[in-house]
Amino acid sequence: MTKNDTKTTQYIRSNLCPDAGLCALEKYAAENSVPVVLPESAAFLRQLIMLKQPQKVLEIGLGIGYSGHIILQSSNAHLFTTELEQRRIDVAKEFFTHSGLINRVTFYAGDEAVIIPEISGQFDFIFLDGAKNKYIKHLPYLKKLLIKGGVLLADNVLFGGMVAGETEVVKAKSTIVQGLRAFVDAICKDKNFYTSIIPVGDGMSVSIKLGTND
């Protein structure tokens, strides 16, 4: 039984309300081996967006637009999103067009490590779900882009239990685990954030920006 297939996880998922609007995306993701946020993580993301009602959301890691749909369906926000693979952007555009949401999305195509330092403006919600080993490198830029009172939500911060040492670190994943540990340590110690680590899905960190970037 895997970490994400425990009786508790099965119970939680059995009590989640299915979202018919995401069925086509889920089907495509399953058939094409495209990772999307886990069901319980998706529900948590949706609730945060519903509570915060952001106007401008920055998403690092578009994929095929699964999380983007959750964000846009749950608010009146405009979504700014990054993605390395042009094929995934093309697929996401098709889904956003079909959903009638395409006019509320701005796409940044290319390497997120190059794109993020060039992004300007301010955002009241940031969803970090791109390259896990780059989270720590992105943090100073994301911090500047986030307004006071804004929320930074990062996915996969526990990474199958390896970050906390609950499961043995797979050698091939050691760089990712080290990067995630550095990110969690940095954001939890940063006095400009109030951060909680939530053991939902593969682990999510929720950080509220308290003040300036000093």
C-alpha atoms as a PDB file:
ATOM      1  CA  MET A   1       0.000   0.000   0.000  1.00  0.00           C
ATOM      2  CA  THR A   2       1.533   3.324  -1.066  1.00  0.00           C
ATOM      3  CA  LYS A   3       1.523   6.467   1.016  1.00  0.00           C
ATOM      4  CA  ASN A   4      -1.265   7.912  -1.100  1.00  0.00           C
ATOM      5  CA  ASP A   5      -3.354   4.735  -0.882  1.00  0.00           C
ATOM      6  CA  THR A   6      -3.852   4.408   2.869  1.00  0.00           C
ATOM      7  CA  LYS A   7      -7.254   3.707   4.386  1.00  0.00           C
ATOM      8  CA  THR A   8      -7.365   7.297   5.627  1.00  0.00           C
ATOM      9  CA  THR A   9      -6.659   8.634   2.134  1.00  0.00           C
ATOM     10  CA  GLN A  10      -9.263   6.317   0.629  1.00  0.00           C
ATOM     11  CA  TYR A  11     -11.788   7.504   3.209  1.00  0.00           C
ATOM     12  CA  ILE A  12     -11.037  11.171   2.532  1.00  0.00           C
ATOM     13  CA  ARG A  13     -11.345  10.695  -1.217  1.00  0.00           C
ATOM     14  CA  SER A  14     -14.574   8.749  -0.869  1.00  0.00           C
ATOM     15  CA  ASN A  15     -16.113  11.788   0.814  1.00  0.00           C
ATOM     16  CA  LEU A  16     -14.969  14.358  -1.748  1.00  0.00           C
ATOM     17  CA  CYS A  17     -17.577  15.712  -4.117  1.00  0.00           C
ATOM     18  CA  PRO A  18     -16.674  14.767  -7.717  1.00  0.00           C
ATOM     19  CA  ASP A  19     -16.310  17.712 -10.083  1.00  0.00           C
ATOM     20  CA  ALA A  20     -17.940  16.946 -13.408  1.00  0.00           C
ATOM     21  CA  GLY A  21     -16.236  19.977 -14.922  1.00  0.00           C
ATOM     22  CA  LEU A  22     -12.830  18.363 -14.475  1.00  0.00           C
ATOM     23  CA  CYS A  23     -13.655  14.909 -15.848  1.00  0.00           C
ATOM     24  CA  ALA A  24     -12.223  15.560 -19.318  1.00  0.00           C
ATOM     25  CA  LEU A  25      -8.986  16.881 -17.827  1.00  0.00           C
ATOM     26  CA  GLU A  26      -8.706  13.912 -15.472  1.00  0.00           C
ATOM     27  CA  LYS A  27      -9.316  11.494 -18.346  1.00  0.00           C
ATOM     28  CA  TYR A  28      -6.652  13.129 -20.521  1.00  0.00           C
ATOM     29  CA  ALA A  29      -4.163  13.187 -17.616  1.00  0.00           C
ATOM     30  CA  ALA A  30      -4.708   9.485 -16.883  1.00  0.00           C
ATOM     31  CA  GLU A  31      -4.434   8.440 -20.536  1.00  0.00           C
ATOM     32  CA  ASN A  32      -1.323  10.527 -21.186  1.00  0.00           C
ATOM     33  CA  SER A  33       0.506  10.067 -17.860  1.00  0.00           C
ATOM     34  CA  VAL A  34       0.309  13.770 -17.022  1.00  0.00           C
ATOM     35  CA  PRO A  35       0.611  14.442 -13.272  1.00  0.00           C
ATOM     36  CA  VAL A  36      -2.103  16.590 -11.693  1.00  0.00           C
ATOM     37  CA  VAL A  37      -2.721  17.556  -8.086  1.00  0.00           C
ATOM     38  CA  LEU A  38      -4.119  14.776  -5.926  1.00  0.00           C
ATOM     39  CA  PRO A  39      -7.881  14.877  -5.234  1.00  0.00           C
ATOM     40  CA  GLU A  40      -7.563  15.965  -1.607  1.00  0.00           C
ATOM     41  CA  SER A  41      -4.974  18.604  -2.574  1.00  0.00           C
ATOM     42  CA  ALA A  42      -7.289  19.867  -5.308  1.00  0.00           C
ATOM     43  CA  ALA A  43     -10.109  20.216  -2.772  1.00  0.00           C
ATOM     44  CA  PHE A  44      -7.824  22.134  -0.415  1.00  0.00           C
ATOM     45  CA  LEU A  45      -6.684  24.444  -3.226  1.00  0.00           C
ATOM     46  CA  ARG A  46     -10.291  25.110  -4.183  1.00  0.00           C
ATOM     47  CA  GLN A  47     -11.228  26.007  -0.609  1.00  0.00           C
ATOM     48  CA  LEU A  48      -8.310  28.409  -0.229  1.00  0.00           C
ATOM     49  CA  ILE A  49      -9.226  30.138  -3.474  1.00  0.00           C
ATOM     50  CA  MET A  50     -12.885  30.346  -2.436  1.00  0.00           C
ATOM     51  CA  LEU A  51     -11.879  31.894   0.891  1.00  0.00           C
ATOM     52  CA  LYS A  52      -9.238  34.282  -0.458  1.00  0.00           C
ATOM     53  CA  GLN A  53     -11.031  35.291  -3.686  1.00  0.00           C
ATOM     54  CA  PRO A  54      -7.822  36.556  -5.306  1.00  0.00           C
ATOM     55  CA  GLN A  55      -7.797  38.914  -8.266  1.00  0.00           C
ATOM     56  CA  LYS A  56      -4.405  37.973  -9.717  1.00  0.00           C
ATOM     57  CA  VAL A  57      -2.992  34.458  -9.376  1.00  0.00           C
ATOM     58  CA  LEU A  58       0.477  33.344 -10.425  1.00  0.00           C
ATOM     59  CA  GLU A  59       0.825  29.612 -11.045  1.00  0.00           C
ATOM     60  CA  ILE A  60       4.232  28.005 -11.485  1.00  0.00           C
ATOM     61  CA  GLY A  61       3.639  24.810 -13.459  1.00  0.00           C
ATOM     62  CA  LEU A  62       0.600  24.853 -15.747  1.00  0.00           C
ATOM     63  CA  GLY A  63       0.619  21.208 -16.812  1.00  0.00           C
ATOM     64  CA  ILE A  64      -2.582  20.822 -18.822  1.00  0.00           C
ATOM     65  CA  GLY A  65      -4.510  23.410 -16.824  1.00  0.00           C
ATOM     66  CA  TYR A  66      -6.059  21.179 -14.160  1.00  0.00           C
ATOM     67  CA  SER A  67      -5.199  23.403 -11.189  1.00  0.00           C
ATOM     68  CA  GLY A  68      -5.820  26.454 -13.327  1.00  0.00           C
ATOM     69  CA  HIS A  69      -9.402  25.361 -13.882  1.00  0.00           C
ATOM     70  CA  ILE A  70      -9.910  24.946 -10.141  1.00  0.00           C
ATOM     71  CA  ILE A  71      -8.545  28.438  -9.509  1.00  0.00           C
ATOM     72  CA  LEU A  72     -10.648  30.110 -12.191  1.00  0.00           C
ATOM     73  CA  GLN A  73     -13.830  28.174 -11.417  1.00  0.00           C
ATOM     74  CA  SER A  74     -13.583  29.216  -7.760  1.00  0.00           C
ATOM     75  CA  SER A  75     -12.917  32.930  -8.236  1.00  0.00           C
ATOM     76  CA  ASN A  76     -13.029  35.855 -10.651  1.00  0.00           C
ATOM     77  CA  ALA A  77      -9.244  35.939 -10.815  1.00  0.00           C
ATOM     78  CA  HIS A  78      -6.980  36.287 -13.816  1.00  0.00           C
ATOM     79  CA  LEU A  79      -4.443  33.468 -13.983  1.00  0.00           C
ATOM     80  CA  PHE A  80      -0.822  33.990 -15.012  1.00  0.00           C
ATOM     81  CA  THR A  81       0.833  30.612 -15.540  1.00  0.00           C
ATOM     82  CA  THR A  82       4.195  29.178 -16.601  1.00  0.00           C
ATOM     83  CA  GLU A  83       4.913  25.985 -18.533  1.00  0.00           C
ATOM     84  CA  LEU A  84       8.048  24.600 -20.165  1.00  0.00           C
ATOM     85  CA  GLU A  85       6.424  22.267 -22.698  1.00  0.00           C
ATOM     86  CA  GLN A  86       4.612  23.941 -25.578  1.00  0.00           C
ATOM     87  CA  ARG A  87       2.550  20.798 -26.191  1.00  0.00           C
ATOM     88  CA  ARG A  88       1.051  21.041 -22.716  1.00  0.00           C
ATOM     89  CA  ILE A  89       0.273  24.717 -23.236  1.00  0.00           C
ATOM     90  CA  ASP A  90      -1.547  23.853 -26.468  1.00  0.00           C
ATOM     91  CA  VAL A  91      -3.588  21.165 -24.705  1.00  0.00           C
ATOM     92  CA  ALA A  92      -4.366  23.497 -21.796  1.00  0.00           C
ATOM     93  CA  LYS A  93      -5.522  26.202 -24.206  1.00  0.00           C
ATOM     94  CA  GLU A  94      -7.969  23.749 -25.753  1.00  0.00           C
ATOM     95  CA  PHE A  95      -9.402  22.879 -22.335  1.00  0.00           C
ATOM     96  CA  PHE A  96      -9.601  26.536 -21.236  1.00  0.00           C
ATOM     97  CA  THR A  97     -11.301  27.459 -24.503  1.00  0.00           C
ATOM     98  CA  HIS A  98     -13.832  24.658 -24.108  1.00  0.00           C
ATOM     99  CA  SER A  99     -14.525  25.816 -20.547  1.00  0.00           C
ATOM    100  CA  GLY A 100     -14.954  29.440 -21.605  1.00  0.00           C
ATOM    101  CA  LEU A 101     -12.043  30.532 -19.408  1.00  0.00           C
ATOM    102  CA  ILE A 102      -9.345  31.242 -21.988  1.00  0.00           C
ATOM    103  CA  ASN A 103      -9.733  35.050 -21.776  1.00  0.00           C
ATOM    104  CA  ARG A 104      -8.760  34.925 -18.105  1.00  0.00           C
ATOM    105  CA  VAL A 105      -5.410  33.207 -18.655  1.00  0.00           C
ATOM    106  CA  THR A 106      -1.979  34.625 -19.548  1.00  0.00           C
ATOM    107  CA  PHE A 107       0.602  32.008 -20.546  1.00  0.00           C
ATOM    108  CA  TYR A 108       4.359  32.219 -20.039  1.00  0.00           C
ATOM    109  CA  ALA A 109       6.082  29.606 -22.204  1.00  0.00           C
ATOM    110  CA  GLY A 110       9.602  28.439 -21.329  1.00  0.00           C
ATOM    111  CA  ASP A 111      11.899  27.630 -18.429  1.00  0.00           C
ATOM    112  CA  GLU A 112      10.362  28.864 -15.181  1.00  0.00           C
ATOM    113  CA  ALA A 113      13.849  29.663 -13.824  1.00  0.00           C
ATOM    114  CA  VAL A 114      14.224  32.211 -16.643  1.00  0.00           C
ATOM    115  CA  ILE A 115      10.628  33.451 -16.620  1.00  0.00           C
ATOM    116  CA  ILE A 116      10.071  34.076 -12.904  1.00  0.00           C
ATOM    117  CA  PRO A 117      12.805  36.733 -12.437  1.00  0.00           C
ATOM    118  CA  GLU A 118      11.309  38.637 -15.388  1.00  0.00           C
ATOM    119  CA  ILE A 119       7.711  38.692 -14.119  1.00  0.00           C
ATOM    120  CA  SER A 120       6.547  42.079 -12.884  1.00  0.00           C
ATOM    121  CA  GLY A 121       3.509  43.228 -10.961  1.00  0.00           C
ATOM    122  CA  GLN A 122       1.911  42.016  -7.744  1.00  0.00           C
ATOM    123  CA  PHE A 123      -0.155  38.923  -7.024  1.00  0.00           C
ATOM    124  CA  ASP A 124      -2.445  38.080  -4.136  1.00  0.00           C
ATOM    125  CA  PHE A 125      -2.132  34.305  -4.585  1.00  0.00           C
ATOM    126  CA  ILE A 126       0.742  32.172  -5.871  1.00  0.00           C
ATOM    127  CA  PHE A 127       0.491  28.434  -6.486  1.00  0.00           C
ATOM    128  CA  LEU A 128       3.931  26.823  -6.680  1.00  0.00           C
ATOM    129  CA  ASP A 129       3.782  23.446  -8.418  1.00  0.00           C
ATOM    130  CA  GLY A 130       6.682  23.418 -10.867  1.00  0.00           C
ATOM    131  CA  ALA A 131      10.155  21.871 -10.622  1.00  0.00           C
ATOM    132  CA  LYS A 132      10.441  20.777  -6.990  1.00  0.00           C
ATOM    133  CA  ASN A 133      14.212  21.218  -6.739  1.00  0.00           C
ATOM    134  CA  LYS A 134      13.813  24.858  -7.869  1.00  0.00           C
ATOM    135  CA  TYR A 135      11.358  25.942  -5.153  1.00  0.00           C
ATOM    136  CA  ILE A 136      14.136  27.358  -2.977  1.00  0.00           C
ATOM    137  CA  LYS A 137      15.618  29.318  -5.915  1.00  0.00           C
ATOM    138  CA  HIS A 138      12.242  30.796  -6.801  1.00  0.00           C
ATOM    139  CA  LEU A 139      11.359  31.855  -3.251  1.00  0.00           C
ATOM    140  CA  PRO A 140      13.076  35.309  -3.196  1.00  0.00           C
ATOM    141  CA  TYR A 141      11.360  36.309  -6.457  1.00  0.00           C
ATOM    142  CA  LEU A 142       7.955  34.961  -5.435  1.00  0.00           C
ATOM    143  CA  LYS A 143       8.217  36.764  -2.128  1.00  0.00           C
ATOM    144  CA  LYS A 144       8.653  40.094  -3.936  1.00  0.00           C
ATOM    145  CA  LEU A 145       5.737  39.351  -6.269  1.00  0.00           C
ATOM    146  CA  LEU A 146       3.326  38.576  -3.430  1.00  0.00           C
ATOM    147  CA  ILE A 147       1.351  41.396  -1.826  1.00  0.00           C
ATOM    148  CA  LYS A 148       1.026  41.837   1.922  1.00  0.00           C
ATOM    149  CA  GLY A 149      -1.677  39.425   3.050  1.00  0.00           C
ATOM    150  CA  GLY A 150      -1.159  37.309  -0.055  1.00  0.00           C
ATOM    151  CA  VAL A 151      -0.959  33.524   0.018  1.00  0.00           C
ATOM    152  CA  LEU A 152       1.836  31.316  -1.298  1.00  0.00           C
ATOM    153  CA  LEU A 153       0.710  27.691  -1.611  1.00  0.00           C
ATOM    154  CA  ALA A 154       3.336  25.097  -2.536  1.00  0.00           C
ATOM    155  CA  ASP A 155       2.526  21.495  -3.470  1.00  0.00           C
ATOM    156  CA  ASN A 156       4.485  18.248  -2.903  1.00  0.00           C
ATOM    157  CA  VAL A 157       6.579  19.660  -0.063  1.00  0.00           C
ATOM    158  CA  LEU A 158       6.629  16.324   1.794  1.00  0.00           C
ATOM    159  CA  PHE A 159       7.390  14.391  -1.400  1.00  0.00           C
ATOM    160  CA  GLY A 160       6.205  10.910  -0.534  1.00  0.00           C
ATOM    161  CA  GLY A 161       7.393  11.198   3.069  1.00  0.00           C
ATOM    162  CA  MET A 162      11.035  11.558   2.008  1.00  0.00           C
ATOM    163  CA  VAL A 163      11.405  15.208   3.071  1.00  0.00           C
ATOM    164  CA  ALA A 164      10.392  14.464   6.674  1.00  0.00           C
ATOM    165  CA  GLY A 165      12.325  11.189   6.764  1.00  0.00           C
ATOM    166  CA  GLU A 166       9.202   9.073   7.077  1.00  0.00           C
ATOM    167  CA  THR A 167      10.304   7.066   4.055  1.00  0.00           C
ATOM    168  CA  GLU A 168      13.781   6.366   2.757  1.00  0.00           C
ATOM    169  CA  VAL A 169      15.129   8.862   0.245  1.00  0.00           C
ATOM    170  CA  VAL A 170      15.386   7.369  -3.229  1.00  0.00           C
ATOM    171  CA  LYS A 171      18.885   8.115  -4.519  1.00  0.00           C
ATOM    172  CA  ALA A 172      17.618   9.474  -7.829  1.00  0.00           C
ATOM    173  CA  LYS A 173      15.384  11.910  -5.923  1.00  0.00           C
ATOM    174  CA  SER A 174      17.962  13.114  -3.395  1.00  0.00           C
ATOM    175  CA  THR A 175      18.519  16.494  -5.090  1.00  0.00           C
ATOM    176  CA  ILE A 176      14.774  17.163  -5.106  1.00  0.00           C
ATOM    177  CA  VAL A 177      14.461  16.179  -1.447  1.00  0.00           C
ATOM    178  CA  GLN A 178      17.378  18.418  -0.453  1.00  0.00           C
ATOM    179  CA  GLY A 179      15.846  21.320  -2.359  1.00  0.00           C
ATOM    180  CA  LEU A 180      12.444  20.834  -0.759  1.00  0.00           C
ATOM    181  CA  ARG A 181      13.970  20.619   2.713  1.00  0.00           C
ATOM    182  CA  ALA A 182      15.812  23.884   2.070  1.00  0.00           C
ATOM    183  CA  PHE A 183      12.582  25.512   0.852  1.00  0.00           C
ATOM    184  CA  VAL A 184      10.521  24.364   3.845  1.00  0.00           C
ATOM    185  CA  ASP A 185      13.246  25.437   6.267  1.00  0.00           C
ATOM    186  CA  ALA A 186      13.596  28.854   4.629  1.00  0.00           C
ATOM    187  CA  ILE A 187       9.923  29.713   4.387  1.00  0.00           C
ATOM    188  CA  CYS A 188       9.124  28.483   7.892  1.00  0.00           C
ATOM    189  CA  LYS A 189      11.928  30.632   9.357  1.00  0.00           C
ATOM    190  CA  ASP A 190      11.122  33.722   7.302  1.00  0.00           C
ATOM    191  CA  LYS A 191       9.568  36.281   9.655  1.00  0.00           C
ATOM    192  CA  ASN A 192       7.736  37.894   6.743  1.00  0.00           C
ATOM    193  CA  PHE A 193       5.601  34.758   6.365  1.00  0.00           C
ATOM    194  CA  TYR A 194       3.288  32.815   8.623  1.00  0.00           C
ATOM    195  CA  THR A 195       3.619  29.251   7.343  1.00  0.00           C
ATOM    196  CA  SER A 196       1.928  25.942   8.056  1.00  0.00           C
ATOM    197  CA  ILE A 197       2.872  22.568   6.581  1.00  0.00           C
ATOM    198  CA  ILE A 198      -0.310  20.644   5.859  1.00  0.00           C
ATOM    199  CA  PRO A 199      -0.106  16.838   5.459  1.00  0.00           C
ATOM    200  CA  VAL A 200      -2.721  16.774   2.711  1.00  0.00           C
ATOM    201  CA  GLY A 201      -1.977  14.842  -0.465  1.00  0.00           C
ATOM    202  CA  ASP A 202       1.787  14.912  -0.948  1.00  0.00           C
ATOM    203  CA  GLY A 203       2.160  17.765   1.515  1.00  0.00           C
ATOM    204  CA  MET A 204       1.353  21.443   0.998  1.00  0.00           C
ATOM    205  CA  SER A 205       2.849  24.533   2.605  1.00  0.00           C
ATOM    206  CA  VAL A 206       0.571  27.529   3.147  1.00  0.00           C
ATOM    207  CA  SER A 207       2.318  30.849   3.724  1.00  0.00           C
ATOM    208  CA  ILE A 208       0.665  34.204   4.371  1.00  0.00           C
ATOM    209  CA  LYS A 209       2.851  37.240   3.738  1.00  0.00           C
ATOM    210  CA  LEU A 210       2.864  39.449   6.806  1.00  0.00           C
ATOM    211  CA  GLY A 211       4.767  42.518   5.722  1.00  0.00           C
ATOM    212  CA  THR A 212       7.664  43.849   3.694  1.00  0.00           C
ATOM    213  CA  ASN A 213      10.561  41.904   2.183  1.00  0.00           C
ATOM    214  CA  ASP A 214      13.088  43.139   4.771  1.00  0.00           C
END
